[in-house]
């Protein structure tokens, strides 16, 4: 997700990163915050999804849940 936004900031004409860069250059603070909040929500959602997949796939592995090595 981070690399996607960085690549949109650098060399794209579409995407969340590009929209945030445009908002910054136009001093459109609400649009910048909307992009920041959207990226935060995407990060939280993707993290929850990956944790769910990890628990489903590696649920049998007890040290993955307890932190024992």
PDB file of N, CA and C in Angstrom:
ATOM      1  N   UNK A   1       0.835  -1.193   0.000  1.00  0.00           N
ATOM      2  CA  UNK A   1       0.000   0.000   0.000  1.00  0.00           C
ATOM      3  C   UNK A   1       0.875   1.249   0.000  1.00  0.00           C
ATOM      4  N   UNK A   2       1.923   1.219   0.811  1.00  0.00           N
ATOM      5  CA  UNK A   2       2.813   2.375   0.886  1.00  0.00           C
ATOM      6  C   UNK A   2       3.513   2.608  -0.447  1.00  0.00           C
ATOM      7  N   UNK A   3       4.018   1.531  -1.042  1.00  0.00           N
ATOM      8  CA  UNK A   3       4.709   1.672  -2.331  1.00  0.00           C
ATOM      9  C   UNK A   3       3.753   2.131  -3.431  1.00  0.00           C
ATOM     10  N   UNK A   4       2.501   1.693  -3.373  1.00  0.00           N
ATOM     11  CA  UNK A   4       1.525   2.120  -4.361  1.00  0.00           C
ATOM     12  C   UNK A   4       1.300   3.628  -4.273  1.00  0.00           C
ATOM     13  N   UNK A   5       1.142   4.147  -3.070  1.00  0.00           N
ATOM     14  CA  UNK A   5       0.905   5.579  -2.899  1.00  0.00           C
ATOM     15  C   UNK A   5       2.135   6.375  -3.310  1.00  0.00           C
ATOM     16  N   UNK A   6       3.327   5.895  -2.950  1.00  0.00           N
ATOM     17  CA  UNK A   6       4.553   6.604  -3.340  1.00  0.00           C
ATOM     18  C   UNK A   6       4.700   6.636  -4.854  1.00  0.00           C
ATOM     19  N   UNK A   7       4.406   5.528  -5.524  1.00  0.00           N
ATOM     20  CA  UNK A   7       4.514   5.524  -6.982  1.00  0.00           C
ATOM     21  C   UNK A   7       3.473   6.438  -7.613  1.00  0.00           C
ATOM     22  N   UNK A   8       2.309   6.557  -6.995  1.00  0.00           N
ATOM     23  CA  UNK A   8       1.305   7.488  -7.512  1.00  0.00           C
ATOM     24  C   UNK A   8       1.735   8.930  -7.288  1.00  0.00           C
ATOM     25  N   UNK A   9       2.430   9.196  -6.202  1.00  0.00           N
ATOM     26  CA  UNK A   9       2.920  10.551  -5.943  1.00  0.00           C
ATOM     27  C   UNK A   9       3.964  10.951  -6.980  1.00  0.00           C
ATOM     28  N   UNK A  10       4.816  10.016  -7.371  1.00  0.00           N
ATOM     29  CA  UNK A  10       5.955  10.335  -8.219  1.00  0.00           C
ATOM     30  C   UNK A  10       5.580  10.383  -9.697  1.00  0.00           C
ATOM     31  N   UNK A  11       4.899   9.365 -10.197  1.00  0.00           N
ATOM     32  CA  UNK A  11       4.778   9.303 -11.645  1.00  0.00           C
ATOM     33  C   UNK A  11       3.427   8.912 -12.189  1.00  0.00           C
ATOM     34  N   UNK A  12       2.357   9.310 -11.549  1.00  0.00           N
ATOM     35  CA  UNK A  12       1.049   8.927 -12.047  1.00  0.00           C
ATOM     36  C   UNK A  12       0.158  10.153 -12.196  1.00  0.00           C
ATOM     37  N   UNK A  13      -0.869   9.993 -12.994  1.00  0.00           N
ATOM     38  CA  UNK A  13      -1.853  11.073 -13.130  1.00  0.00           C
ATOM     39  C   UNK A  13      -3.193  10.679 -12.527  1.00  0.00           C
ATOM     40  N   UNK A  14      -3.233   9.540 -11.838  1.00  0.00           N
ATOM     41  CA  UNK A  14      -4.445   9.054 -11.169  1.00  0.00           C
ATOM     42  C   UNK A  14      -4.057   8.450  -9.828  1.00  0.00           C
ATOM     43  N   UNK A  15      -5.038   8.253  -8.983  1.00  0.00           N
ATOM     44  CA  UNK A  15      -4.815   7.563  -7.730  1.00  0.00           C
ATOM     45  C   UNK A  15      -4.874   8.478  -6.516  1.00  0.00           C
ATOM     46  N   UNK A  16      -4.878   7.841  -5.349  1.00  0.00           N
ATOM     47  CA  UNK A  16      -5.003   8.577  -4.093  1.00  0.00           C
ATOM     48  C   UNK A  16      -3.784   9.469  -3.869  1.00  0.00           C
ATOM     49  N   UNK A  17      -2.593   8.933  -4.106  1.00  0.00           N
ATOM     50  CA  UNK A  17      -1.379   9.716  -3.913  1.00  0.00           C
ATOM     51  C   UNK A  17      -1.339  10.950  -4.802  1.00  0.00           C
ATOM     52  N   UNK A  18      -1.732  10.786  -6.046  1.00  0.00           N
ATOM     53  CA  UNK A  18      -1.745  11.922  -6.971  1.00  0.00           C
ATOM     54  C   UNK A  18      -2.766  12.963  -6.534  1.00  0.00           C
ATOM     55  N   UNK A  19      -3.930  12.508  -6.097  1.00  0.00           N
ATOM     56  CA  UNK A  19      -4.964  13.447  -5.629  1.00  0.00           C
ATOM     57  C   UNK A  19      -4.485  14.216  -4.397  1.00  0.00           C
ATOM     58  N   UNK A  20      -3.764  13.531  -3.515  1.00  0.00           N
ATOM     59  CA  UNK A  20      -3.239  14.211  -2.338  1.00  0.00           C
ATOM     60  C   UNK A  20      -2.177  15.243  -2.721  1.00  0.00           C
ATOM     61  N   UNK A  21      -1.336  14.928  -3.695  1.00  0.00           N
ATOM     62  CA  UNK A  21      -0.321  15.871  -4.163  1.00  0.00           C
ATOM     63  C   UNK A  21      -0.972  17.091  -4.807  1.00  0.00           C
ATOM     64  N   UNK A  22      -2.019  16.873  -5.585  1.00  0.00           N
ATOM     65  CA  UNK A  22      -2.750  17.995  -6.175  1.00  0.00           C
ATOM     66  C   UNK A  22      -3.387  18.865  -5.094  1.00  0.00           C
ATOM     67  N   UNK A  23      -3.988  18.228  -4.095  1.00  0.00           N
ATOM     68  CA  UNK A  23      -4.618  18.976  -3.008  1.00  0.00           C
ATOM     69  C   UNK A  23      -3.581  19.790  -2.244  1.00  0.00           C
ATOM     70  N   UNK A  24      -2.394  19.228  -2.057  1.00  0.00           N
ATOM     71  CA  UNK A  24      -1.335  19.949  -1.363  1.00  0.00           C
ATOM     72  C   UNK A  24      -0.922  21.189  -2.152  1.00  0.00           C
ATOM     73  N   UNK A  25      -0.759  21.035  -3.452  1.00  0.00           N
ATOM     74  CA  UNK A  25      -0.311  22.168  -4.266  1.00  0.00           C
ATOM     75  C   UNK A  25      -1.374  23.250  -4.369  1.00  0.00           C
ATOM     76  N   UNK A  26      -2.648  22.892  -4.171  1.00  0.00           N
ATOM     77  CA  UNK A  26      -3.734  23.863  -4.240  1.00  0.00           C
ATOM     78  C   UNK A  26      -4.210  24.309  -2.860  1.00  0.00           C
ATOM     79  N   UNK A  27      -3.494  23.891  -1.814  1.00  0.00           N
ATOM     80  CA  UNK A  27      -3.842  24.214  -0.431  1.00  0.00           C
ATOM     81  C   UNK A  27      -5.272  23.800  -0.091  1.00  0.00           C
ATOM     82  N   UNK A  28      -5.685  22.653  -0.614  1.00  0.00           N
ATOM     83  CA  UNK A  28      -7.013  22.100  -0.346  1.00  0.00           C
ATOM     84  C   UNK A  28      -6.897  21.131   0.838  1.00  0.00           C
ATOM     85  N   UNK A  29      -6.931  21.689   2.036  1.00  0.00           N
ATOM     86  CA  UNK A  29      -6.687  20.915   3.252  1.00  0.00           C
ATOM     87  C   UNK A  29      -7.735  19.813   3.457  1.00  0.00           C
ATOM     88  N   UNK A  30      -9.031  20.059   3.261  1.00  0.00           N
ATOM     89  CA  UNK A  30     -10.005  18.966   3.438  1.00  0.00           C
ATOM     90  C   UNK A  30      -9.758  17.780   2.498  1.00  0.00           C
ATOM     91  N   UNK A  31      -9.363  18.051   1.264  1.00  0.00           N
ATOM     92  CA  UNK A  31      -9.074  16.958   0.323  1.00  0.00           C
ATOM     93  C   UNK A  31      -7.833  16.191   0.749  1.00  0.00           C
ATOM     94  N   UNK A  32      -6.838  16.893   1.279  1.00  0.00           N
ATOM     95  CA  UNK A  32      -5.649  16.206   1.770  1.00  0.00           C
ATOM     96  C   UNK A  32      -5.999  15.298   2.941  1.00  0.00           C
ATOM     97  N   UNK A  33      -6.798  15.798   3.877  1.00  0.00           N
ATOM     98  CA  UNK A  33      -7.193  14.984   5.029  1.00  0.00           C
ATOM     99  C   UNK A  33      -8.061  13.810   4.605  1.00  0.00           C
ATOM    100  N   UNK A  34      -8.878  14.009   3.589  1.00  0.00           N
ATOM    101  CA  UNK A  34      -9.698  12.902   3.094  1.00  0.00           C
ATOM    102  C   UNK A  34      -8.802  11.780   2.566  1.00  0.00           C
ATOM    103  N   UNK A  35      -7.748  12.131   1.858  1.00  0.00           N
ATOM    104  CA  UNK A  35      -6.801  11.129   1.371  1.00  0.00           C
ATOM    105  C   UNK A  35      -6.069  10.437   2.500  1.00  0.00           C
ATOM    106  N   UNK A  36      -5.672  11.207   3.509  1.00  0.00           N
ATOM    107  CA  UNK A  36      -4.967  10.629   4.651  1.00  0.00           C
ATOM    108  C   UNK A  36      -5.867   9.664   5.401  1.00  0.00           C
ATOM    109  N   UNK A  37      -7.110  10.068   5.645  1.00  0.00           N
ATOM    110  CA  UNK A  37      -8.055   9.199   6.355  1.00  0.00           C
ATOM    111  C   UNK A  37      -8.363   7.956   5.530  1.00  0.00           C
ATOM    112  N   UNK A  38      -8.538   8.118   4.227  1.00  0.00           N
ATOM    113  CA  UNK A  38      -8.803   6.970   3.365  1.00  0.00           C
ATOM    114  C   UNK A  38      -7.642   5.982   3.387  1.00  0.00           C
ATOM    115  N   UNK A  39      -6.417   6.475   3.325  1.00  0.00           N
ATOM    116  CA  UNK A  39      -5.259   5.584   3.393  1.00  0.00           C
ATOM    117  C   UNK A  39      -5.179   4.890   4.747  1.00  0.00           C
ATOM    118  N   UNK A  40      -5.505   5.608   5.810  1.00  0.00           N
ATOM    119  CA  UNK A  40      -5.514   4.984   7.134  1.00  0.00           C
ATOM    120  C   UNK A  40      -6.542   3.877   7.231  1.00  0.00           C
ATOM    121  N   UNK A  41      -7.741   4.128   6.725  1.00  0.00           N
ATOM    122  CA  UNK A  41      -8.788   3.104   6.745  1.00  0.00           C
ATOM    123  C   UNK A  41      -8.428   1.905   5.877  1.00  0.00           C
ATOM    124  N   UNK A  42      -7.813   2.163   4.730  1.00  0.00           N
ATOM    125  CA  UNK A  42      -7.347   1.057   3.886  1.00  0.00           C
ATOM    126  C   UNK A  42      -6.289   0.230   4.606  1.00  0.00           C
ATOM    127  N   UNK A  43      -5.387   0.902   5.298  1.00  0.00           N
ATOM    128  CA  UNK A  43      -4.351   0.190   6.046  1.00  0.00           C
ATOM    129  C   UNK A  43      -4.941  -0.668   7.150  1.00  0.00           C
ATOM    130  N   UNK A  44      -5.895  -0.127   7.895  1.00  0.00           N
ATOM    131  CA  UNK A  44      -6.544  -0.888   8.967  1.00  0.00           C
ATOM    132  C   UNK A  44      -7.300  -2.079   8.395  1.00  0.00           C
ATOM    133  N   UNK A  45      -8.020  -1.855   7.304  1.00  0.00           N
ATOM    134  CA  UNK A  45      -8.781  -2.938   6.676  1.00  0.00           C
ATOM    135  C   UNK A  45      -7.893  -4.043   6.139  1.00  0.00           C
ATOM    136  N   UNK A  46      -6.811  -3.664   5.457  1.00  0.00           N
ATOM    137  CA  UNK A  46      -5.892  -4.672   4.928  1.00  0.00           C
ATOM    138  C   UNK A  46      -5.187  -5.428   6.052  1.00  0.00           C
ATOM    139  N   UNK A  47      -4.837  -4.731   7.121  1.00  0.00           N
ATOM    140  CA  UNK A  47      -4.203  -5.398   8.251  1.00  0.00           C
ATOM    141  C   UNK A  47      -5.158  -6.421   8.872  1.00  0.00           C
ATOM    142  N   UNK A  48      -6.415  -6.054   9.041  1.00  0.00           N
ATOM    143  CA  UNK A  48      -7.398  -6.986   9.596  1.00  0.00           C
ATOM    144  C   UNK A  48      -7.588  -8.191   8.671  1.00  0.00           C
ATOM    145  N   UNK A  49      -7.620  -7.944   7.366  1.00  0.00           N
ATOM    146  CA  UNK A  49      -7.787  -9.041   6.416  1.00  0.00           C
ATOM    147  C   UNK A  49      -6.593  -9.992   6.465  1.00  0.00           C
ATOM    148  N   UNK A  50      -5.381  -9.446   6.494  1.00  0.00           N
ATOM    149  CA  UNK A  50      -4.194 -10.300   6.554  1.00  0.00           C
ATOM    150  C   UNK A  50      -4.109 -11.067   7.864  1.00  0.00           C
ATOM    151  N   UNK A  51      -4.515 -10.442   8.972  1.00  0.00           N
ATOM    152  CA  UNK A  51      -4.530 -11.160  10.242  1.00  0.00           C
ATOM    153  C   UNK A  51      -5.537 -12.306  10.215  1.00  0.00           C
ATOM    154  N   UNK A  52      -6.692 -12.082   9.590  1.00  0.00           N
ATOM    155  CA  UNK A  52      -7.687 -13.147   9.463  1.00  0.00           C
ATOM    156  C   UNK A  52      -7.174 -14.309   8.635  1.00  0.00           C
ATOM    157  N   UNK A  53      -6.513 -13.995   7.535  1.00  0.00           N
ATOM    158  CA  UNK A  53      -5.935 -15.051   6.689  1.00  0.00           C
ATOM    159  C   UNK A  53      -4.839 -15.782   7.451  1.00  0.00           C
ATOM    160  N   UNK A  54      -4.015 -15.034   8.177  1.00  0.00           N
ATOM    161  CA  UNK A  54      -2.940 -15.665   8.935  1.00  0.00           C
ATOM    162  C   UNK A  54      -3.503 -16.613   9.993  1.00  0.00           C
ATOM    163  N   UNK A  55      -4.544 -16.185  10.686  1.00  0.00           N
ATOM    164  CA  UNK A  55      -5.145 -17.055  11.696  1.00  0.00           C
ATOM    165  C   UNK A  55      -5.779 -18.288  11.072  1.00  0.00           C
ATOM    166  N   UNK A  56      -6.384 -18.120   9.898  1.00  0.00           N
ATOM    167  CA  UNK A  56      -7.020 -19.265   9.241  1.00  0.00           C
ATOM    168  C   UNK A  56      -5.987 -20.259   8.729  1.00  0.00           C
ATOM    169  N   UNK A  57      -4.904 -19.755   8.175  1.00  0.00           N
ATOM    170  CA  UNK A  57      -3.899 -20.631   7.575  1.00  0.00           C
ATOM    171  C   UNK A  57      -2.950 -21.198   8.632  1.00  0.00           C
ATOM    172  N   UNK A  58      -2.583 -20.379   9.610  1.00  0.00           N
ATOM    173  CA  UNK A  58      -1.598 -20.802  10.597  1.00  0.00           C
ATOM    174  C   UNK A  58      -2.201 -21.003  11.982  1.00  0.00           C
ATOM    175  N   UNK A  59      -3.501 -21.244  12.053  1.00  0.00           N
ATOM    176  CA  UNK A  59      -4.151 -21.439  13.333  1.00  0.00           C
ATOM    177  C   UNK A  59      -3.658 -22.651  14.087  1.00  0.00           C
ATOM    178  N   UNK A  60      -3.160 -23.643  13.389  1.00  0.00           N
ATOM    179  CA  UNK A  60      -2.655 -24.855  14.021  1.00  0.00           C
ATOM    180  C   UNK A  60      -1.326 -24.625  14.709  1.00  0.00           C
ATOM    181  N   UNK A  61      -0.633 -23.566  14.345  1.00  0.00           N
ATOM    182  CA  UNK A  61       0.702 -23.307  14.874  1.00  0.00           C
ATOM    183  C   UNK A  61       0.570 -22.511  16.172  1.00  0.00           C
ATOM    184  N   UNK A  62       0.756 -23.182  17.311  1.00  0.00           N
ATOM    185  CA  UNK A  62       0.513 -22.527  18.598  1.00  0.00           C
ATOM    186  C   UNK A  62       1.499 -21.419  18.909  1.00  0.00           C
ATOM    187  N   UNK A  63       2.736 -21.532  18.470  1.00  0.00           N
ATOM    188  CA  UNK A  63       3.711 -20.477  18.790  1.00  0.00           C
ATOM    189  C   UNK A  63       3.416 -19.189  18.023  1.00  0.00           C
ATOM    190  N   UNK A  64       2.655 -19.270  16.937  1.00  0.00           N
ATOM    191  CA  UNK A  64       2.298 -18.064  16.196  1.00  0.00           C
ATOM    192  C   UNK A  64       1.318 -17.212  16.996  1.00  0.00           C
ATOM    193  N   UNK A  65       0.515 -17.841  17.846  1.00  0.00           N
ATOM    194  CA  UNK A  65      -0.458 -17.107  18.645  1.00  0.00           C
ATOM    195  C   UNK A  65       0.103 -16.656  19.984  1.00  0.00           C
ATOM    196  N   UNK A  66       0.941 -17.447  20.595  1.00  0.00           N
ATOM    197  CA  UNK A  66       1.417 -17.124  21.928  1.00  0.00           C
ATOM    198  C   UNK A  66       2.714 -16.339  21.914  1.00  0.00           C
ATOM    199  N   UNK A  67       3.423 -16.348  20.814  1.00  0.00           N
ATOM    200  CA  UNK A  67       4.683 -15.634  20.718  1.00  0.00           C
ATOM    201  C   UNK A  67       5.877 -16.437  21.186  1.00  0.00           C
ATOM    202  N   UNK A  68       5.689 -17.732  21.500  1.00  0.00           N
ATOM    203  CA  UNK A  68       6.795 -18.583  21.921  1.00  0.00           C
ATOM    204  C   UNK A  68       7.659 -18.953  20.713  1.00  0.00           C
ATOM    205  N   UNK A  69       8.940 -19.052  20.950  1.00  0.00           N
ATOM    206  CA  UNK A  69       9.841 -19.391  19.852  1.00  0.00           C
ATOM    207  C   UNK A  69      10.155 -20.871  19.827  1.00  0.00           C
TER     208      UNK A  69
END
